[in-house]
Amino acid sequence: MMEKSKTCSFFGHRNVETTEELKQKVKQTVEYLITQCQVSTFLFGSRSNFNTLCHLVVSELKEEYPHVKRIAYTCKSETCILESERKKWKKLYSLFQNEKVPFLCVEKEIEHETKYTAGKGAYVERNYAMIDDSDYCVFYYKENYQPKPRKYSKRNLTDYQPKSGTALAFHYATKKQKDIINLSKY
């Protein structure tokens, strides 16, 4: 009997140093998930160097494992380019920019139900939806990481310390008892 294919999502702090060593860790992890854990669908959010690195690695491995699917979960004011439309958009943007423009393409886009209603919490809600739809969650999460302090508004003189979206996602995935791989630990 054939085992049901599995799904994996990626989460990491906005600014992660993308070293060759980290790229190799991601590649080994993704290849292990594909070959040993029957993962064939990978879910991607946005706004993180780690997310971009993981997308590039999965895209490279897709050449060796063509059955792999990449799905983007988008938030308000975000879009993605479907693989089937890559040539058209690449040509158009390259003409406009007067240089070659790389794209992070996917096979499918998912707009979760709170995409237009969640306000500032849209990214958190999107991450929760990705976790709910995943069997495995690959993180680059450091407990002591703090996002940059922000202002309440442009005119406000005081800062506040925002919560780390990666920390919120990590704790949610733990609570949901997902299989978690934290690459910041290796």
N, C-alpha and C. Protein backbone atom coordinates (compact mmCIF):
# COMPACT_ATOMS: atom_id res chain seq x y z
N MET A 1 0.83 -1.19 0.00
CA MET A 1 0.00 0.00 0.00
C MET A 1 0.88 1.25 0.00
N MET A 2 0.56 2.20 -0.86
CA MET A 2 1.35 3.42 -0.98
C MET A 2 0.99 4.40 0.13
N GLU A 3 2.04 4.99 0.73
CA GLU A 3 1.83 5.93 1.82
C GLU A 3 1.40 7.28 1.28
N LYS A 4 0.50 7.95 2.01
CA LYS A 4 0.01 9.27 1.64
C LYS A 4 1.17 10.27 1.64
N SER A 5 1.20 11.14 0.64
CA SER A 5 2.27 12.14 0.61
C SER A 5 2.08 13.16 1.73
N LYS A 6 3.19 13.73 2.15
CA LYS A 6 3.19 14.63 3.30
C LYS A 6 3.52 16.05 2.85
N THR A 7 3.30 16.98 3.77
CA THR A 7 3.49 18.40 3.50
C THR A 7 4.43 19.01 4.54
N CYS A 8 5.24 19.97 4.09
CA CYS A 8 6.20 20.65 4.97
C CYS A 8 6.11 22.16 4.73
N SER A 9 6.23 22.93 5.81
CA SER A 9 6.29 24.39 5.70
C SER A 9 7.58 24.90 6.33
N PHE A 10 7.95 26.13 5.96
CA PHE A 10 9.20 26.74 6.41
C PHE A 10 8.93 28.06 7.13
N PHE A 11 9.68 28.29 8.22
CA PHE A 11 9.55 29.54 8.98
C PHE A 11 10.92 29.95 9.50
N GLY A 12 11.22 31.23 9.41
CA GLY A 12 12.49 31.71 9.95
C GLY A 12 12.45 33.19 10.21
N HIS A 13 13.37 33.65 11.02
CA HIS A 13 13.45 35.07 11.33
C HIS A 13 13.68 35.86 10.05
N ARG A 14 13.21 37.08 10.05
CA ARG A 14 13.27 37.91 8.85
C ARG A 14 14.69 38.02 8.30
N ASN A 15 15.65 38.26 9.19
CA ASN A 15 17.04 38.40 8.76
C ASN A 15 17.87 37.26 9.31
N VAL A 16 18.18 36.33 8.45
CA VAL A 16 19.02 35.18 8.79
C VAL A 16 20.21 35.21 7.84
N GLU A 17 21.40 35.02 8.38
CA GLU A 17 22.59 35.00 7.52
C GLU A 17 22.55 33.71 6.70
N THR A 18 22.43 33.85 5.40
CA THR A 18 22.31 32.68 4.53
C THR A 18 23.68 32.23 4.06
N THR A 19 24.33 31.46 4.90
CA THR A 19 25.67 30.93 4.61
C THR A 19 25.57 29.68 3.75
N GLU A 20 26.70 29.28 3.19
CA GLU A 20 26.75 28.03 2.43
C GLU A 20 26.46 26.85 3.35
N GLU A 21 26.91 26.93 4.59
CA GLU A 21 26.65 25.87 5.57
C GLU A 21 25.15 25.72 5.83
N LEU A 22 24.45 26.84 5.98
CA LEU A 22 23.00 26.79 6.20
C LEU A 22 22.30 26.23 4.96
N LYS A 23 22.75 26.66 3.78
CA LYS A 23 22.15 26.14 2.54
C LYS A 23 22.29 24.62 2.47
N GLN A 24 23.45 24.10 2.86
CA GLN A 24 23.66 22.64 2.84
C GLN A 24 22.76 21.94 3.86
N LYS A 25 22.58 22.55 5.04
CA LYS A 25 21.67 21.99 6.05
C LYS A 25 20.24 21.92 5.52
N VAL A 26 19.82 23.00 4.87
CA VAL A 26 18.47 23.04 4.29
C VAL A 26 18.35 21.96 3.22
N LYS A 27 19.35 21.86 2.35
CA LYS A 27 19.31 20.88 1.26
C LYS A 27 19.25 19.45 1.81
N GLN A 28 20.08 19.14 2.80
CA GLN A 28 20.06 17.80 3.40
C GLN A 28 18.71 17.51 4.05
N THR A 29 18.16 18.50 4.73
CA THR A 29 16.87 18.33 5.40
C THR A 29 15.75 18.11 4.39
N VAL A 30 15.70 18.93 3.36
CA VAL A 30 14.65 18.80 2.35
C VAL A 30 14.78 17.47 1.62
N GLU A 31 15.99 17.10 1.27
CA GLU A 31 16.18 15.82 0.57
C GLU A 31 15.77 14.64 1.47
N TYR A 32 16.08 14.72 2.74
CA TYR A 32 15.66 13.69 3.70
C TYR A 32 14.13 13.63 3.76
N LEU A 33 13.48 14.78 3.83
CA LEU A 33 12.01 14.81 3.90
C LEU A 33 11.38 14.21 2.64
N ILE A 34 11.98 14.48 1.49
CA ILE A 34 11.45 13.94 0.23
C ILE A 34 11.66 12.42 0.16
N THR A 35 12.88 11.97 0.45
CA THR A 35 13.23 10.56 0.22
C THR A 35 12.83 9.63 1.37
N GLN A 36 12.83 10.13 2.59
CA GLN A 36 12.57 9.26 3.75
C GLN A 36 11.20 9.47 4.40
N CYS A 37 10.60 10.62 4.19
CA CYS A 37 9.35 10.96 4.90
C CYS A 37 8.17 11.16 3.96
N GLN A 38 8.35 10.93 2.68
CA GLN A 38 7.30 11.05 1.67
C GLN A 38 6.72 12.47 1.56
N VAL A 39 7.53 13.48 1.84
CA VAL A 39 7.07 14.86 1.67
C VAL A 39 7.17 15.20 0.18
N SER A 40 6.07 15.68 -0.38
CA SER A 40 6.10 16.08 -1.79
C SER A 40 5.55 17.50 -1.99
N THR A 41 4.99 18.09 -0.93
CA THR A 41 4.44 19.44 -1.03
C THR A 41 5.11 20.33 -0.01
N PHE A 42 5.60 21.47 -0.49
CA PHE A 42 6.30 22.42 0.38
C PHE A 42 5.56 23.76 0.35
N LEU A 43 5.28 24.28 1.54
CA LEU A 43 4.52 25.52 1.68
C LEU A 43 5.46 26.67 2.04
N PHE A 44 5.23 27.82 1.40
CA PHE A 44 6.09 28.98 1.60
C PHE A 44 5.27 30.21 1.94
N GLY A 45 5.79 30.97 2.89
CA GLY A 45 5.23 32.27 3.23
C GLY A 45 6.08 33.33 2.54
N SER A 46 6.43 34.36 3.30
CA SER A 46 7.21 35.44 2.71
C SER A 46 7.96 36.20 3.79
N ARG A 47 8.67 37.21 3.37
CA ARG A 47 9.30 38.17 4.27
C ARG A 47 10.46 37.65 5.10
N SER A 48 11.16 36.65 4.62
CA SER A 48 12.25 36.10 5.41
C SER A 48 13.35 35.59 4.49
N ASN A 49 14.60 35.90 4.84
CA ASN A 49 15.74 35.36 4.08
C ASN A 49 15.71 33.84 4.10
N PHE A 50 15.34 33.28 5.26
CA PHE A 50 15.30 31.82 5.40
C PHE A 50 14.27 31.21 4.46
N ASN A 51 13.11 31.83 4.37
CA ASN A 51 12.06 31.35 3.47
C ASN A 51 12.55 31.36 2.02
N THR A 52 13.21 32.44 1.63
CA THR A 52 13.74 32.55 0.27
C THR A 52 14.79 31.47 0.01
N LEU A 53 15.69 31.26 0.97
CA LEU A 53 16.71 30.21 0.85
C LEU A 53 16.05 28.84 0.67
N CYS A 54 15.05 28.55 1.48
CA CYS A 54 14.37 27.25 1.39
C CYS A 54 13.68 27.09 0.04
N HIS A 55 13.08 28.15 -0.46
CA HIS A 55 12.42 28.09 -1.77
C HIS A 55 13.44 27.80 -2.86
N LEU A 56 14.59 28.45 -2.80
CA LEU A 56 15.63 28.20 -3.81
C LEU A 56 16.12 26.76 -3.76
N VAL A 57 16.30 26.23 -2.55
CA VAL A 57 16.77 24.84 -2.40
C VAL A 57 15.72 23.86 -2.93
N VAL A 58 14.46 24.05 -2.56
CA VAL A 58 13.40 23.16 -3.05
C VAL A 58 13.31 23.25 -4.57
N SER A 59 13.45 24.45 -5.12
CA SER A 59 13.40 24.61 -6.58
C SER A 59 14.55 23.88 -7.26
N GLU A 60 15.74 23.94 -6.68
CA GLU A 60 16.88 23.19 -7.23
C GLU A 60 16.61 21.68 -7.17
N LEU A 61 16.09 21.21 -6.04
CA LEU A 61 15.83 19.78 -5.87
C LEU A 61 14.67 19.30 -6.74
N LYS A 62 13.82 20.22 -7.15
CA LYS A 62 12.68 19.87 -8.02
C LYS A 62 13.17 19.30 -9.35
N GLU A 63 14.35 19.70 -9.77
CA GLU A 63 14.91 19.14 -11.00
C GLU A 63 15.17 17.64 -10.85
N GLU A 64 15.60 17.24 -9.66
CA GLU A 64 15.86 15.82 -9.37
C GLU A 64 14.60 15.07 -8.95
N TYR A 65 13.67 15.78 -8.33
CA TYR A 65 12.42 15.20 -7.82
C TYR A 65 11.25 16.00 -8.41
N PRO A 66 10.92 15.77 -9.69
CA PRO A 66 9.92 16.61 -10.37
C PRO A 66 8.50 16.52 -9.80
N HIS A 67 8.23 15.52 -8.97
CA HIS A 67 6.89 15.40 -8.38
C HIS A 67 6.65 16.41 -7.26
N VAL A 68 7.70 17.08 -6.81
CA VAL A 68 7.60 18.04 -5.71
C VAL A 68 6.78 19.25 -6.15
N LYS A 69 5.92 19.72 -5.24
CA LYS A 69 5.08 20.90 -5.50
C LYS A 69 5.46 22.01 -4.52
N ARG A 70 5.46 23.24 -5.03
CA ARG A 70 5.71 24.43 -4.20
C ARG A 70 4.43 25.25 -4.17
N ILE A 71 3.98 25.58 -2.97
CA ILE A 71 2.73 26.33 -2.81
C ILE A 71 3.01 27.58 -1.98
N ALA A 72 2.56 28.73 -2.47
CA ALA A 72 2.72 30.00 -1.75
C ALA A 72 1.44 30.32 -1.00
N TYR A 73 1.59 30.65 0.27
CA TYR A 73 0.49 31.17 1.08
C TYR A 73 0.73 32.69 1.15
N THR A 74 -0.13 33.45 0.50
CA THR A 74 0.10 34.88 0.40
C THR A 74 -0.78 35.67 1.38
N CYS A 75 -0.27 36.83 1.75
CA CYS A 75 -1.00 37.77 2.60
C CYS A 75 -1.45 38.95 1.74
N LYS A 76 -2.22 39.82 2.33
CA LYS A 76 -2.70 41.01 1.64
C LYS A 76 -1.52 41.76 1.03
N SER A 77 -1.70 42.27 -0.15
CA SER A 77 -0.71 43.03 -0.92
C SER A 77 0.48 42.18 -1.35
N GLU A 78 0.34 40.87 -1.32
CA GLU A 78 1.39 39.98 -1.84
C GLU A 78 0.82 39.20 -3.02
N THR A 79 1.71 38.80 -3.87
CA THR A 79 1.31 37.94 -4.98
C THR A 79 2.45 36.97 -5.25
N CYS A 80 2.20 36.05 -6.11
CA CYS A 80 3.25 35.11 -6.49
C CYS A 80 3.13 34.85 -7.98
N ILE A 81 4.13 34.22 -8.52
CA ILE A 81 4.11 33.88 -9.94
C ILE A 81 4.05 32.37 -10.07
N LEU A 82 3.05 31.92 -10.80
CA LEU A 82 2.91 30.49 -11.03
C LEU A 82 3.96 30.03 -12.03
N GLU A 83 4.46 28.82 -11.81
CA GLU A 83 5.49 28.26 -12.69
C GLU A 83 5.02 28.29 -14.15
N SER A 84 3.74 28.04 -14.38
CA SER A 84 3.20 28.00 -15.74
C SER A 84 3.26 29.38 -16.43
N GLU A 85 3.42 30.45 -15.65
CA GLU A 85 3.47 31.81 -16.21
C GLU A 85 4.86 32.44 -16.13
N ARG A 86 5.84 31.66 -15.69
CA ARG A 86 7.18 32.19 -15.46
C ARG A 86 7.77 32.86 -16.70
N LYS A 87 7.74 32.19 -17.84
CA LYS A 87 8.38 32.74 -19.04
C LYS A 87 7.78 34.09 -19.43
N LYS A 88 6.45 34.17 -19.38
CA LYS A 88 5.77 35.42 -19.76
C LYS A 88 6.22 36.57 -18.85
N TRP A 89 6.16 36.36 -17.54
CA TRP A 89 6.49 37.42 -16.59
C TRP A 89 7.98 37.74 -16.58
N LYS A 90 8.80 36.72 -16.73
CA LYS A 90 10.25 36.95 -16.75
C LYS A 90 10.63 37.83 -17.94
N LYS A 91 10.04 37.53 -19.09
CA LYS A 91 10.31 38.32 -20.30
C LYS A 91 9.84 39.76 -20.11
N LEU A 92 8.63 39.93 -19.58
CA LEU A 92 8.08 41.26 -19.39
C LEU A 92 8.90 42.08 -18.40
N TYR A 93 9.21 41.51 -17.25
CA TYR A 93 9.99 42.23 -16.24
C TYR A 93 11.42 42.49 -16.69
N SER A 94 12.00 41.54 -17.41
CA SER A 94 13.37 41.73 -17.90
C SER A 94 13.43 42.88 -18.89
N LEU A 95 12.41 43.00 -19.75
CA LEU A 95 12.36 44.13 -20.67
C LEU A 95 12.21 45.44 -19.90
N PHE A 96 11.35 45.43 -18.91
CA PHE A 96 11.08 46.62 -18.11
C PHE A 96 12.31 47.04 -17.30
N GLN A 97 12.98 46.07 -16.69
CA GLN A 97 14.15 46.35 -15.85
C GLN A 97 15.44 46.46 -16.66
N ASN A 98 15.39 46.04 -17.92
CA ASN A 98 16.55 46.04 -18.80
C ASN A 98 17.65 45.10 -18.30
N GLU A 99 17.25 44.05 -17.59
CA GLU A 99 18.17 43.02 -17.12
C GLU A 99 17.34 41.78 -16.78
N LYS A 100 18.02 40.65 -16.58
CA LYS A 100 17.31 39.43 -16.21
C LYS A 100 16.78 39.55 -14.78
N VAL A 101 15.55 39.13 -14.59
CA VAL A 101 14.91 39.22 -13.28
C VAL A 101 14.59 37.81 -12.79
N PRO A 102 15.15 37.40 -11.64
CA PRO A 102 14.83 36.07 -11.12
C PRO A 102 13.47 36.07 -10.42
N PHE A 103 12.76 34.97 -10.50
CA PHE A 103 11.46 34.84 -9.84
C PHE A 103 11.44 33.62 -8.96
N LEU A 104 10.73 33.73 -7.85
CA LEU A 104 10.46 32.57 -7.00
C LEU A 104 9.08 32.07 -7.40
N CYS A 105 9.05 31.05 -8.24
CA CYS A 105 7.78 30.56 -8.78
C CYS A 105 7.24 29.40 -7.95
N VAL A 106 5.94 29.20 -8.07
CA VAL A 106 5.26 28.12 -7.37
C VAL A 106 4.27 27.46 -8.32
N GLU A 107 3.79 26.29 -7.91
CA GLU A 107 2.78 25.61 -8.71
C GLU A 107 1.36 26.07 -8.34
N LYS A 108 1.22 26.65 -7.14
CA LYS A 108 -0.12 27.02 -6.69
C LYS A 108 -0.03 28.13 -5.64
N GLU A 109 -1.05 28.99 -5.61
CA GLU A 109 -1.15 30.03 -4.57
C GLU A 109 -2.38 29.74 -3.73
N ILE A 110 -2.23 29.88 -2.42
CA ILE A 110 -3.37 29.73 -1.51
C ILE A 110 -3.55 31.03 -0.76
N GLU A 111 -4.77 31.55 -0.82
CA GLU A 111 -5.14 32.74 -0.06
C GLU A 111 -6.00 32.25 1.10
N HIS A 112 -5.47 32.31 2.31
CA HIS A 112 -6.25 31.80 3.44
C HIS A 112 -7.42 32.74 3.73
N GLU A 113 -8.41 32.21 4.44
CA GLU A 113 -9.68 32.92 4.63
C GLU A 113 -9.55 34.28 5.31
N THR A 114 -8.50 34.51 6.08
CA THR A 114 -8.37 35.80 6.78
C THR A 114 -7.41 36.76 6.06
N LYS A 115 -7.06 36.44 4.82
CA LYS A 115 -6.07 37.25 4.10
C LYS A 115 -6.43 38.74 4.09
N TYR A 116 -7.69 39.07 3.89
CA TYR A 116 -8.08 40.47 3.77
C TYR A 116 -8.72 41.04 5.03
N THR A 117 -8.90 40.22 6.06
CA THR A 117 -9.59 40.70 7.26
C THR A 117 -8.73 40.70 8.52
N ALA A 118 -7.58 40.08 8.48
CA ALA A 118 -6.78 39.91 9.70
C ALA A 118 -5.97 41.15 10.09
N GLY A 119 -5.86 42.15 9.24
CA GLY A 119 -5.10 43.35 9.58
C GLY A 119 -3.64 43.04 9.84
N LYS A 120 -3.08 43.62 10.94
CA LYS A 120 -1.68 43.39 11.27
C LYS A 120 -1.40 41.93 11.60
N GLY A 121 -2.42 41.19 11.97
CA GLY A 121 -2.26 39.78 12.31
C GLY A 121 -2.28 38.85 11.12
N ALA A 122 -2.30 39.40 9.90
CA ALA A 122 -2.42 38.56 8.70
C ALA A 122 -1.29 37.55 8.59
N TYR A 123 -0.06 37.97 8.90
CA TYR A 123 1.08 37.06 8.77
C TYR A 123 1.00 35.94 9.80
N VAL A 124 0.57 36.29 11.00
CA VAL A 124 0.42 35.28 12.05
C VAL A 124 -0.66 34.28 11.64
N GLU A 125 -1.80 34.77 11.17
CA GLU A 125 -2.89 33.89 10.74
C GLU A 125 -2.46 33.02 9.56
N ARG A 126 -1.73 33.62 8.62
CA ARG A 126 -1.23 32.86 7.47
C ARG A 126 -0.29 31.75 7.94
N ASN A 127 0.62 32.08 8.87
CA ASN A 127 1.55 31.07 9.39
C ASN A 127 0.80 29.94 10.08
N TYR A 128 -0.21 30.28 10.86
CA TYR A 128 -1.01 29.25 11.54
C TYR A 128 -1.68 28.34 10.51
N ALA A 129 -2.21 28.92 9.43
CA ALA A 129 -2.84 28.11 8.38
C ALA A 129 -1.83 27.17 7.73
N MET A 130 -0.62 27.66 7.50
CA MET A 130 0.43 26.81 6.92
C MET A 130 0.77 25.66 7.86
N ILE A 131 0.87 25.95 9.15
CA ILE A 131 1.17 24.91 10.14
C ILE A 131 0.05 23.89 10.19
N ASP A 132 -1.19 24.37 10.20
CA ASP A 132 -2.34 23.45 10.22
C ASP A 132 -2.32 22.51 9.02
N ASP A 133 -1.84 22.99 7.88
CA ASP A 133 -1.82 22.20 6.65
C ASP A 133 -0.55 21.37 6.48
N SER A 134 0.34 21.37 7.48
CA SER A 134 1.64 20.70 7.37
C SER A 134 1.76 19.49 8.29
N ASP A 135 2.56 18.54 7.84
CA ASP A 135 2.97 17.42 8.69
C ASP A 135 4.30 17.75 9.36
N TYR A 136 5.18 18.45 8.63
CA TYR A 136 6.50 18.83 9.13
C TYR A 136 6.65 20.34 9.04
N CYS A 137 7.36 20.91 10.00
CA CYS A 137 7.67 22.34 9.99
C CYS A 137 9.17 22.51 10.18
N VAL A 138 9.82 23.13 9.21
CA VAL A 138 11.25 23.40 9.30
C VAL A 138 11.41 24.86 9.71
N PHE A 139 12.12 25.06 10.81
CA PHE A 139 12.31 26.40 11.37
C PHE A 139 13.78 26.80 11.38
N TYR A 140 13.99 28.10 11.36
CA TYR A 140 15.24 28.69 11.81
C TYR A 140 14.80 29.62 12.92
N TYR A 141 14.75 29.08 14.15
CA TYR A 141 14.22 29.81 15.30
C TYR A 141 15.22 29.84 16.44
N LYS A 142 15.55 31.05 16.88
CA LYS A 142 16.42 31.24 18.05
C LYS A 142 15.59 31.90 19.14
N GLU A 143 15.56 31.28 20.32
CA GLU A 143 14.73 31.77 21.41
C GLU A 143 15.06 33.20 21.82
N ASN A 144 16.32 33.59 21.71
CA ASN A 144 16.72 34.92 22.17
C ASN A 144 16.60 36.00 21.09
N TYR A 145 16.10 35.65 19.91
CA TYR A 145 15.96 36.61 18.81
C TYR A 145 14.89 37.65 19.16
N GLN A 146 15.19 38.91 18.91
CA GLN A 146 14.23 40.00 19.08
C GLN A 146 14.16 40.81 17.79
N PRO A 147 12.96 41.00 17.24
CA PRO A 147 12.85 41.89 16.08
C PRO A 147 13.24 43.31 16.48
N LYS A 148 13.52 44.14 15.49
CA LYS A 148 13.86 45.53 15.77
C LYS A 148 12.68 46.23 16.44
N PRO A 149 12.95 47.08 17.43
CA PRO A 149 11.85 47.87 18.01
C PRO A 149 11.22 48.75 16.93
N ARG A 150 9.93 49.00 17.07
CA ARG A 150 9.19 49.80 16.08
C ARG A 150 8.45 50.93 16.78
N LYS A 151 8.04 51.89 15.99
CA LYS A 151 7.22 52.99 16.50
C LYS A 151 5.75 52.61 16.33
N TYR A 152 4.92 53.11 17.25
CA TYR A 152 3.48 52.87 17.14
C TYR A 152 2.92 53.54 15.89
N SER A 153 3.46 54.70 15.56
CA SER A 153 3.07 55.41 14.34
C SER A 153 4.24 56.31 13.93
N LYS A 154 4.15 56.92 12.78
CA LYS A 154 5.23 57.78 12.30
C LYS A 154 5.45 58.98 13.21
N ARG A 155 4.40 59.45 13.85
CA ARG A 155 4.50 60.64 14.70
C ARG A 155 4.85 60.30 16.14
N ASN A 156 4.70 59.06 16.51
CA ASN A 156 4.93 58.66 17.89
C ASN A 156 6.43 58.62 18.18
N LEU A 157 6.81 59.11 19.33
CA LEU A 157 8.23 59.15 19.70
C LEU A 157 8.69 57.91 20.44
N THR A 158 7.77 57.10 20.90
CA THR A 158 8.15 55.92 21.68
C THR A 158 8.13 54.67 20.81
N ASP A 159 8.99 53.76 21.17
CA ASP A 159 9.08 52.47 20.47
C ASP A 159 8.36 51.40 21.26
N TYR A 160 8.05 50.30 20.59
CA TYR A 160 7.57 49.11 21.28
C TYR A 160 8.32 47.92 20.72
N GLN A 161 8.38 46.85 21.49
CA GLN A 161 9.08 45.64 21.06
C GLN A 161 8.06 44.67 20.48
N PRO A 162 8.05 44.50 19.15
CA PRO A 162 7.10 43.55 18.56
C PRO A 162 7.49 42.12 18.89
N LYS A 163 6.51 41.24 18.83
CA LYS A 163 6.77 39.82 19.05
C LYS A 163 7.34 39.23 17.77
N SER A 164 8.14 38.22 17.91
CA SER A 164 8.71 37.53 16.76
C SER A 164 7.64 36.62 16.15
N GLY A 165 7.35 36.83 14.87
CA GLY A 165 6.39 35.97 14.18
C GLY A 165 6.86 34.53 14.13
N THR A 166 8.17 34.35 14.02
CA THR A 166 8.73 33.00 14.01
C THR A 166 8.53 32.33 15.36
N ALA A 167 8.69 33.09 16.44
CA ALA A 167 8.45 32.53 17.78
C ALA A 167 6.99 32.12 17.94
N LEU A 168 6.07 32.97 17.49
CA LEU A 168 4.65 32.64 17.57
C LEU A 168 4.35 31.36 16.77
N ALA A 169 4.92 31.26 15.57
CA ALA A 169 4.71 30.07 14.74
C ALA A 169 5.31 28.83 15.39
N PHE A 170 6.50 28.96 15.96
CA PHE A 170 7.17 27.83 16.61
C PHE A 170 6.33 27.30 17.77
N HIS A 171 5.84 28.20 18.60
CA HIS A 171 5.03 27.77 19.76
C HIS A 171 3.70 27.16 19.31
N TYR A 172 3.12 27.70 18.24
CA TYR A 172 1.87 27.14 17.70
C TYR A 172 2.11 25.73 17.15
N ALA A 173 3.20 25.56 16.40
CA ALA A 173 3.52 24.23 15.84
C ALA A 173 3.78 23.22 16.95
N THR A 174 4.43 23.67 18.02
CA THR A 174 4.68 22.80 19.17
C THR A 174 3.37 22.39 19.82
N LYS A 175 2.49 23.36 20.01
CA LYS A 175 1.18 23.10 20.62
C LYS A 175 0.36 22.13 19.75
N LYS A 176 0.48 22.26 18.43
CA LYS A 176 -0.25 21.39 17.50
C LYS A 176 0.45 20.04 17.30
N GLN A 177 1.56 19.83 17.99
CA GLN A 177 2.33 18.59 17.96
C GLN A 177 2.79 18.20 16.55
N LYS A 178 3.26 19.20 15.83
CA LYS A 178 3.83 18.95 14.50
C LYS A 178 5.25 18.44 14.64
N ASP A 179 5.73 17.73 13.64
CA ASP A 179 7.13 17.32 13.61
C ASP A 179 7.95 18.55 13.25
N ILE A 180 8.79 18.99 14.18
CA ILE A 180 9.55 20.23 14.02
C ILE A 180 11.03 19.93 13.85
N ILE A 181 11.63 20.58 12.85
CA ILE A 181 13.07 20.54 12.65
C ILE A 181 13.55 21.98 12.76
N ASN A 182 14.38 22.26 13.76
CA ASN A 182 14.88 23.62 13.96
C ASN A 182 16.35 23.68 13.54
N LEU A 183 16.60 24.25 12.37
CA LEU A 183 17.96 24.26 11.82
C LEU A 183 18.89 25.23 12.52
N SER A 184 18.39 26.08 13.39
CA SER A 184 19.30 26.97 14.14
C SER A 184 20.03 26.19 15.22
N LYS A 185 19.59 24.97 15.51
CA LYS A 185 20.19 24.14 16.56
C LYS A 185 21.33 23.28 16.03
N TYR A 186 21.49 23.20 14.71
CA TYR A 186 22.49 22.29 14.15
C TYR A 186 23.68 23.02 13.60
